Amino acid sequence: MPRPEDDKSKFLAQAGFTQENPDQLKQAILSPVQTYDAVSDRQDKYGTYYRVEGPILGPQGALLVVTVWIERAKDNIIQFVTLKPKR
């Protein structure tokens, strides 16, 4: 179901990602982290935020994205926050 604000489903559908293949999207999101450097973006009381830019490969093509991650201050666990199209 599309979100009323900041919905990325149409963007992700361009590469073939749908609700039927969430595991493929998860693996695609993790892929750039293995190849491209994480750049520290900012820090707040919740932790340190990092950006990783690169392509994600879907069943029907590739998309250039910026992924955002946080290293949580409370436990130092790194967690995915969001992705957006690279401009």
C-alpha atoms as a PDB file:
ATOM      1  CA  MET A   1       0.000   0.000   0.000  1.00  0.00           C
ATOM      2  CA  PRO A   2       1.555   3.345  -0.996  1.00  0.00           C
ATOM      3  CA  ARG A   3       2.416   5.720   1.798  1.00  0.00           C
ATOM      4  CA  PRO A   4       0.703   9.124   1.728  1.00  0.00           C
ATOM      5  CA  GLU A   5       4.075  10.860   1.962  1.00  0.00           C
ATOM      6  CA  ASP A   6       7.568   9.993   0.714  1.00  0.00           C
ATOM      7  CA  ASP A   7       6.454   6.803  -1.047  1.00  0.00           C
ATOM      8  CA  LYS A   8       9.239   5.143  -3.037  1.00  0.00           C
ATOM      9  CA  SER A   9       7.309   2.217  -4.514  1.00  0.00           C
ATOM     10  CA  LYS A  10       7.039   3.706  -8.017  1.00  0.00           C
ATOM     11  CA  PHE A  11      10.752   4.540  -8.021  1.00  0.00           C
ATOM     12  CA  LEU A  12      11.676   1.020  -6.890  1.00  0.00           C
ATOM     13  CA  ALA A  13       9.241  -0.545  -9.386  1.00  0.00           C
ATOM     14  CA  GLN A  14      11.366   0.888 -12.209  1.00  0.00           C
ATOM     15  CA  ALA A  15      13.953  -1.791 -11.380  1.00  0.00           C
ATOM     16  CA  GLY A  16      11.355  -4.507 -10.797  1.00  0.00           C
ATOM     17  CA  PHE A  17      11.018  -4.337  -7.008  1.00  0.00           C
ATOM     18  CA  THR A  18       7.481  -5.042  -5.775  1.00  0.00           C
ATOM     19  CA  GLN A  19       5.739  -6.270  -2.630  1.00  0.00           C
ATOM     20  CA  GLU A  20       6.202  -9.779  -4.008  1.00  0.00           C
ATOM     21  CA  ASN A  21      10.026  -9.690  -3.813  1.00  0.00           C
ATOM     22  CA  PRO A  22      11.025  -7.923  -0.561  1.00  0.00           C
ATOM     23  CA  ASP A  23      14.034 -10.205  -0.015  1.00  0.00           C
ATOM     24  CA  GLN A  24      15.510  -9.121  -3.368  1.00  0.00           C
ATOM     25  CA  LEU A  25      15.140  -5.489  -2.322  1.00  0.00           C
ATOM     26  CA  LYS A  26      16.800  -6.184   1.032  1.00  0.00           C
ATOM     27  CA  GLN A  27      19.782  -7.836  -0.664  1.00  0.00           C
ATOM     28  CA  ALA A  28      20.009  -5.014  -3.222  1.00  0.00           C
ATOM     29  CA  ILE A  29      20.048  -2.382  -0.462  1.00  0.00           C
ATOM     30  CA  LEU A  30      22.871  -4.209   1.332  1.00  0.00           C
ATOM     31  CA  SER A  31      24.947  -4.579  -1.849  1.00  0.00           C
ATOM     32  CA  PRO A  32      26.391  -1.027  -2.149  1.00  0.00           C
ATOM     33  CA  VAL A  33      27.564  -1.209   1.469  1.00  0.00           C
ATOM     34  CA  GLN A  34      29.936  -4.006   0.432  1.00  0.00           C
ATOM     35  CA  THR A  35      31.485  -1.959  -2.392  1.00  0.00           C
ATOM     36  CA  TYR A  36      31.178   1.755  -1.671  1.00  0.00           C
ATOM     37  CA  ASP A  37      32.412   3.836   1.244  1.00  0.00           C
ATOM     38  CA  ALA A  38      30.063   5.002   3.971  1.00  0.00           C
ATOM     39  CA  VAL A  39      30.389   8.746   4.508  1.00  0.00           C
ATOM     40  CA  SER A  40      29.585  10.207   7.904  1.00  0.00           C
ATOM     41  CA  ASP A  41      26.696  12.626   7.434  1.00  0.00           C
ATOM     42  CA  ARG A  42      25.668  13.926  10.847  1.00  0.00           C
ATOM     43  CA  GLN A  43      25.300  13.032  14.492  1.00  0.00           C
ATOM     44  CA  ASP A  44      22.541  13.575  17.022  1.00  0.00           C
ATOM     45  CA  LYS A  45      21.353  12.067  20.306  1.00  0.00           C
ATOM     46  CA  TYR A  46      20.235   8.918  18.451  1.00  0.00           C
ATOM     47  CA  GLY A  47      23.597   8.206  16.847  1.00  0.00           C
ATOM     48  CA  THR A  48      25.810   8.814  13.832  1.00  0.00           C
ATOM     49  CA  TYR A  49      24.235   8.828  10.383  1.00  0.00           C
ATOM     50  CA  TYR A  50      26.066   7.588   7.297  1.00  0.00           C
ATOM     51  CA  ARG A  51      25.363   7.806   3.558  1.00  0.00           C
ATOM     52  CA  VAL A  52      26.300   5.142   1.020  1.00  0.00           C
ATOM     53  CA  GLU A  53      25.783   6.006  -2.650  1.00  0.00           C
ATOM     54  CA  GLY A  54      25.699   3.447  -5.429  1.00  0.00           C
ATOM     55  CA  PRO A  55      23.522   1.275  -7.657  1.00  0.00           C
ATOM     56  CA  ILE A  56      21.014  -1.282  -6.496  1.00  0.00           C
ATOM     57  CA  LEU A  57      20.289  -4.052  -8.980  1.00  0.00           C
ATOM     58  CA  GLY A  58      16.740  -5.279  -9.413  1.00  0.00           C
ATOM     59  CA  PRO A  59      15.163  -7.956 -11.570  1.00  0.00           C
ATOM     60  CA  GLN A  60      14.517  -5.413 -14.346  1.00  0.00           C
ATOM     61  CA  GLY A  61      17.401  -2.979 -14.046  1.00  0.00           C
ATOM     62  CA  ALA A  62      19.518  -0.782 -11.820  1.00  0.00           C
ATOM     63  CA  LEU A  63      18.793   2.368  -9.844  1.00  0.00           C
ATOM     64  CA  LEU A  64      21.304   4.875  -8.492  1.00  0.00           C
ATOM     65  CA  VAL A  65      20.463   5.522  -4.862  1.00  0.00           C
ATOM     66  CA  VAL A  66      21.679   7.104  -1.657  1.00  0.00           C
ATOM     67  CA  THR A  67      21.116   4.866   1.347  1.00  0.00           C
ATOM     68  CA  VAL A  68      21.101   6.274   4.862  1.00  0.00           C
ATOM     69  CA  TRP A  69      22.235   4.266   7.874  1.00  0.00           C
ATOM     70  CA  ILE A  70      22.540   5.020  11.587  1.00  0.00           C
ATOM     71  CA  GLU A  71      24.997   3.665  14.109  1.00  0.00           C
ATOM     72  CA  ARG A  72      22.721   3.810  17.122  1.00  0.00           C
ATOM     73  CA  ALA A  73      24.167   5.600  20.154  1.00  0.00           C
ATOM     74  CA  LYS A  74      22.433   3.295  22.646  1.00  0.00           C
ATOM     75  CA  ASP A  75      23.968   0.032  21.417  1.00  0.00           C
ATOM     76  CA  ASN A  76      26.285   0.809  18.427  1.00  0.00           C
ATOM     77  CA  ILE A  77      24.141  -1.349  16.126  1.00  0.00           C
ATOM     78  CA  ILE A  78      24.047  -0.147  12.518  1.00  0.00           C
ATOM     79  CA  GLN A  79      20.530   0.073  11.116  1.00  0.00           C
ATOM     80  CA  PHE A  80      19.119   0.966   7.705  1.00  0.00           C
ATOM     81  CA  VAL A  81      17.079   4.210   7.775  1.00  0.00           C
ATOM     82  CA  THR A  82      16.005   5.003   4.211  1.00  0.00           C
ATOM     83  CA  LEU A  83      16.974   5.273   0.585  1.00  0.00           C
ATOM     84  CA  LYS A  84      16.364   7.985  -1.976  1.00  0.00           C
ATOM     85  CA  PRO A  85      17.131   8.450  -5.650  1.00  0.00           C
ATOM     86  CA  LYS A  86      20.599   9.835  -6.306  1.00  0.00           C
ATOM     87  CA  ARG A  87      20.288  13.205  -8.009  1.00  0.00           C
END
